[in-house]
Amino acid sequence: MFTISASTLRRVLWLDAASGLGMGLSHLALSEPLSGWTGIPAAWLQVAALVVFGAASLAGWLASRAEPPAGGVRLLAAGNFAWVAASLWLAFGAGLPLTVLGLGWVLVQALLVLVMAELEWAGARRAQGLAMA
């Protein structure tokens, strides 16, 4: 079990917000070509973009706090863990005809989201410890 500093947590949260914004915009603006390249239906990409925009908004708000509140960080981390689970389902259980690029994309972004979720969870533990002190 490890913790991270508030400044590191804020950097992770800004990265989460920026990467979510970029992914959401690309899924909306390029849903048709991305669908062809990945095998993920365009409508799924568009819905995913809306979900990601919500998470990115929360991450940005949390990152803008000098001491991000532990409850909000835990909520974001839990959502990211759920995203990883959904990504694994998409890759291996949804029955979609994913291309090699699509399978790679889903697994790589799931791994990156998992790393951010773990770091956010560690930061929430630190923030919770400070609140109890």
C-alpha atoms as a PDB file:
ATOM      1  CA  MET A   1       0.000   0.000   0.000  1.00  0.00           C
ATOM      2  CA  PHE A   2       1.456   3.351  -0.981  1.00  0.00           C
ATOM      3  CA  THR A   3       0.427   6.984  -1.004  1.00  0.00           C
ATOM      4  CA  ILE A   4       1.398   9.925  -3.175  1.00  0.00           C
ATOM      5  CA  SER A   5       1.819  13.615  -2.410  1.00  0.00           C
ATOM      6  CA  ALA A   6      -0.913  16.156  -3.076  1.00  0.00           C
ATOM      7  CA  SER A   7       1.146  17.742  -5.861  1.00  0.00           C
ATOM      8  CA  THR A   8       1.653  14.378  -7.574  1.00  0.00           C
ATOM      9  CA  LEU A   9      -2.038  13.600  -7.185  1.00  0.00           C
ATOM     10  CA  ARG A  10      -2.923  16.920  -8.788  1.00  0.00           C
ATOM     11  CA  ARG A  11      -0.623  16.129 -11.745  1.00  0.00           C
ATOM     12  CA  VAL A  12      -2.293  12.738 -12.170  1.00  0.00           C
ATOM     13  CA  LEU A  13      -5.717  14.390 -12.029  1.00  0.00           C
ATOM     14  CA  TRP A  14      -4.697  16.971 -14.659  1.00  0.00           C
ATOM     15  CA  LEU A  15      -3.400  14.137 -16.862  1.00  0.00           C
ATOM     16  CA  ASP A  16      -6.683  12.283 -16.389  1.00  0.00           C
ATOM     17  CA  ALA A  17      -8.661  15.401 -17.306  1.00  0.00           C
ATOM     18  CA  ALA A  18      -6.545  16.248 -20.372  1.00  0.00           C
ATOM     19  CA  SER A  19      -6.402  12.696 -21.708  1.00  0.00           C
ATOM     20  CA  GLY A  20     -10.141  12.275 -21.162  1.00  0.00           C
ATOM     21  CA  LEU A  21     -10.875  15.498 -23.003  1.00  0.00           C
ATOM     22  CA  GLY A  22      -8.665  14.431 -25.908  1.00  0.00           C
ATOM     23  CA  MET A  23     -10.170  10.959 -26.077  1.00  0.00           C
ATOM     24  CA  GLY A  24     -13.711  12.279 -25.859  1.00  0.00           C
ATOM     25  CA  LEU A  25     -13.158  14.836 -28.592  1.00  0.00           C
ATOM     26  CA  SER A  26     -11.559  12.254 -30.875  1.00  0.00           C
ATOM     27  CA  HIS A  27     -14.397   9.792 -30.281  1.00  0.00           C
ATOM     28  CA  LEU A  28     -16.982  12.420 -31.188  1.00  0.00           C
ATOM     29  CA  ALA A  29     -15.184  14.035 -34.114  1.00  0.00           C
ATOM     30  CA  LEU A  30     -13.819  10.830 -35.630  1.00  0.00           C
ATOM     31  CA  SER A  31     -16.385   8.222 -34.597  1.00  0.00           C
ATOM     32  CA  GLU A  32     -16.968   6.898 -38.123  1.00  0.00           C
ATOM     33  CA  PRO A  33     -13.320   6.406 -39.125  1.00  0.00           C
ATOM     34  CA  LEU A  34     -12.435   5.125 -35.641  1.00  0.00           C
ATOM     35  CA  SER A  35     -15.248   2.612 -35.914  1.00  0.00           C
ATOM     36  CA  GLY A  36     -13.820   1.264 -39.153  1.00  0.00           C
ATOM     37  CA  TRP A  37     -10.287   1.102 -37.779  1.00  0.00           C
ATOM     38  CA  THR A  38     -11.206  -0.481 -34.449  1.00  0.00           C
ATOM     39  CA  GLY A  39     -14.389  -2.481 -35.010  1.00  0.00           C
ATOM     40  CA  ILE A  40     -16.151  -0.563 -32.205  1.00  0.00           C
ATOM     41  CA  PRO A  41     -19.558   0.757 -33.307  1.00  0.00           C
ATOM     42  CA  ALA A  42     -19.606   4.547 -33.849  1.00  0.00           C
ATOM     43  CA  ALA A  43     -22.549   4.941 -31.472  1.00  0.00           C
ATOM     44  CA  TRP A  44     -20.579   3.200 -28.710  1.00  0.00           C
ATOM     45  CA  LEU A  45     -17.660   5.562 -29.280  1.00  0.00           C
ATOM     46  CA  GLN A  46     -19.992   8.554 -29.049  1.00  0.00           C
ATOM     47  CA  VAL A  47     -21.594   7.346 -25.810  1.00  0.00           C
ATOM     48  CA  ALA A  48     -18.144   6.606 -24.400  1.00  0.00           C
ATOM     49  CA  ALA A  49     -17.140  10.187 -25.251  1.00  0.00           C
ATOM     50  CA  LEU A  50     -19.992  11.559 -23.150  1.00  0.00           C
ATOM     51  CA  VAL A  51     -19.055   9.342 -20.203  1.00  0.00           C
ATOM     52  CA  VAL A  52     -15.411  10.374 -20.514  1.00  0.00           C
ATOM     53  CA  PHE A  53     -16.340  14.073 -20.625  1.00  0.00           C
ATOM     54  CA  GLY A  54     -18.073  13.664 -17.262  1.00  0.00           C
ATOM     55  CA  ALA A  55     -15.059  11.945 -15.731  1.00  0.00           C
ATOM     56  CA  ALA A  56     -12.661  14.483 -17.264  1.00  0.00           C
ATOM     57  CA  SER A  57     -14.733  17.331 -15.830  1.00  0.00           C
ATOM     58  CA  LEU A  58     -14.581  15.786 -12.366  1.00  0.00           C
ATOM     59  CA  ALA A  59     -10.833  15.169 -12.706  1.00  0.00           C
ATOM     60  CA  GLY A  60     -10.258  18.787 -13.766  1.00  0.00           C
ATOM     61  CA  TRP A  61     -12.300  20.144 -10.886  1.00  0.00           C
ATOM     62  CA  LEU A  62     -10.467  17.929  -8.397  1.00  0.00           C
ATOM     63  CA  ALA A  63      -7.090  18.913  -9.873  1.00  0.00           C
ATOM     64  CA  SER A  64      -7.935  22.588  -9.429  1.00  0.00           C
ATOM     65  CA  ARG A  65      -8.200  22.143  -5.639  1.00  0.00           C
ATOM     66  CA  ALA A  66      -5.103  22.740  -3.508  1.00  0.00           C
ATOM     67  CA  GLU A  67      -6.039  19.591  -1.550  1.00  0.00           C
ATOM     68  CA  PRO A  68      -8.364  17.446  -3.691  1.00  0.00           C
ATOM     69  CA  PRO A  69     -11.144  16.019  -1.496  1.00  0.00           C
ATOM     70  CA  ALA A  70     -10.636  12.311  -0.790  1.00  0.00           C
ATOM     71  CA  GLY A  71     -14.260  11.406  -1.500  1.00  0.00           C
ATOM     72  CA  GLY A  72     -14.189  12.978  -4.950  1.00  0.00           C
ATOM     73  CA  VAL A  73     -10.872  11.350  -5.788  1.00  0.00           C
ATOM     74  CA  ARG A  74     -12.213   7.956  -4.656  1.00  0.00           C
ATOM     75  CA  LEU A  75     -15.307   8.469  -6.821  1.00  0.00           C
ATOM     76  CA  LEU A  76     -13.147   9.255  -9.842  1.00  0.00           C
ATOM     77  CA  ALA A  77     -10.838   6.294  -9.154  1.00  0.00           C
ATOM     78  CA  ALA A  78     -13.827   3.955  -8.774  1.00  0.00           C
ATOM     79  CA  GLY A  79     -15.191   5.202 -12.096  1.00  0.00           C
ATOM     80  CA  ASN A  80     -11.814   4.575 -13.685  1.00  0.00           C
ATOM     81  CA  PHE A  81     -11.713   1.034 -12.255  1.00  0.00           C
ATOM     82  CA  ALA A  82     -15.203   0.495 -13.717  1.00  0.00           C
ATOM     83  CA  TRP A  83     -13.930   1.803 -17.081  1.00  0.00           C
ATOM     84  CA  VAL A  84     -11.125  -0.772 -16.985  1.00  0.00           C
ATOM     85  CA  ALA A  85     -13.628  -3.557 -16.271  1.00  0.00           C
ATOM     86  CA  ALA A  86     -15.861  -2.352 -19.120  1.00  0.00           C
ATOM     87  CA  SER A  87     -12.846  -2.198 -21.417  1.00  0.00           C
ATOM     88  CA  LEU A  88     -11.939  -5.800 -20.622  1.00  0.00           C
ATOM     89  CA  TRP A  89     -15.524  -6.828 -21.287  1.00  0.00           C
ATOM     90  CA  LEU A  90     -15.422  -4.931 -24.589  1.00  0.00           C
ATOM     91  CA  ALA A  91     -12.172  -6.655 -25.545  1.00  0.00           C
ATOM     92  CA  PHE A  92     -13.090 -10.192 -24.534  1.00  0.00           C
ATOM     93  CA  GLY A  93     -16.802 -10.519 -23.805  1.00  0.00           C
ATOM     94  CA  ALA A  94     -18.821  -8.188 -25.992  1.00  0.00           C
ATOM     95  CA  GLY A  95     -18.539 -10.336 -29.094  1.00  0.00           C
ATOM     96  CA  LEU A  96     -17.575  -7.390 -31.283  1.00  0.00           C
ATOM     97  CA  PRO A  97     -15.412  -8.011 -34.334  1.00  0.00           C
ATOM     98  CA  LEU A  98     -12.553  -5.876 -33.037  1.00  0.00           C
ATOM     99  CA  THR A  99      -9.642  -5.339 -35.364  1.00  0.00           C
ATOM    100  CA  VAL A 100      -6.095  -5.912 -34.125  1.00  0.00           C
ATOM    101  CA  LEU A 101      -5.798  -2.131 -33.800  1.00  0.00           C
ATOM    102  CA  GLY A 102      -9.102  -2.019 -31.903  1.00  0.00           C
ATOM    103  CA  LEU A 103      -8.087  -4.736 -29.460  1.00  0.00           C
ATOM    104  CA  GLY A 104      -4.721  -3.077 -28.918  1.00  0.00           C
ATOM    105  CA  TRP A 105      -6.308   0.335 -28.391  1.00  0.00           C
ATOM    106  CA  VAL A 106      -8.835  -0.970 -25.874  1.00  0.00           C
ATOM    107  CA  LEU A 107      -6.181  -2.833 -23.881  1.00  0.00           C
ATOM    108  CA  VAL A 108      -3.597  -0.029 -23.907  1.00  0.00           C
ATOM    109  CA  GLN A 109      -6.057   2.632 -22.801  1.00  0.00           C
ATOM    110  CA  ALA A 110      -7.409   0.252 -20.133  1.00  0.00           C
ATOM    111  CA  LEU A 111      -3.875  -0.202 -18.786  1.00  0.00           C
ATOM    112  CA  LEU A 112      -3.256   3.564 -18.719  1.00  0.00           C
ATOM    113  CA  VAL A 113      -6.590   4.187 -16.989  1.00  0.00           C
ATOM    114  CA  LEU A 114      -5.756   1.449 -14.478  1.00  0.00           C
ATOM    115  CA  VAL A 115      -2.469   3.160 -13.621  1.00  0.00           C
ATOM    116  CA  MET A 116      -4.229   6.512 -13.147  1.00  0.00           C
ATOM    117  CA  ALA A 117      -6.928   4.876 -11.008  1.00  0.00           C
ATOM    118  CA  GLU A 118      -4.306   3.239  -8.788  1.00  0.00           C
ATOM    119  CA  LEU A 119      -2.467   6.546  -8.357  1.00  0.00           C
ATOM    120  CA  GLU A 120      -5.725   8.374  -7.634  1.00  0.00           C
ATOM    121  CA  TRP A 121      -6.688   5.752  -5.058  1.00  0.00           C
ATOM    122  CA  ALA A 122      -3.292   6.161  -3.398  1.00  0.00           C
ATOM    123  CA  GLY A 123      -3.799   9.928  -3.364  1.00  0.00           C
ATOM    124  CA  ALA A 124      -7.249   9.507  -1.820  1.00  0.00           C
ATOM    125  CA  ARG A 125      -5.721   7.424   0.969  1.00  0.00           C
ATOM    126  CA  ARG A 126      -3.282  10.243   1.686  1.00  0.00           C
ATOM    127  CA  ALA A 127      -6.038  12.866   1.635  1.00  0.00           C
ATOM    128  CA  GLN A 128      -8.187  10.721   3.919  1.00  0.00           C
ATOM    129  CA  GLY A 129      -5.269  10.373   6.346  1.00  0.00           C
ATOM    130  CA  LEU A 130      -4.827  14.146   6.434  1.00  0.00           C
ATOM    131  CA  ALA A 131      -8.528  14.672   7.095  1.00  0.00           C
ATOM    132  CA  MET A 132      -8.388  12.282  10.058  1.00  0.00           C
ATOM    133  CA  ALA A 133      -5.272  13.899  11.565  1.00  0.00           C
END
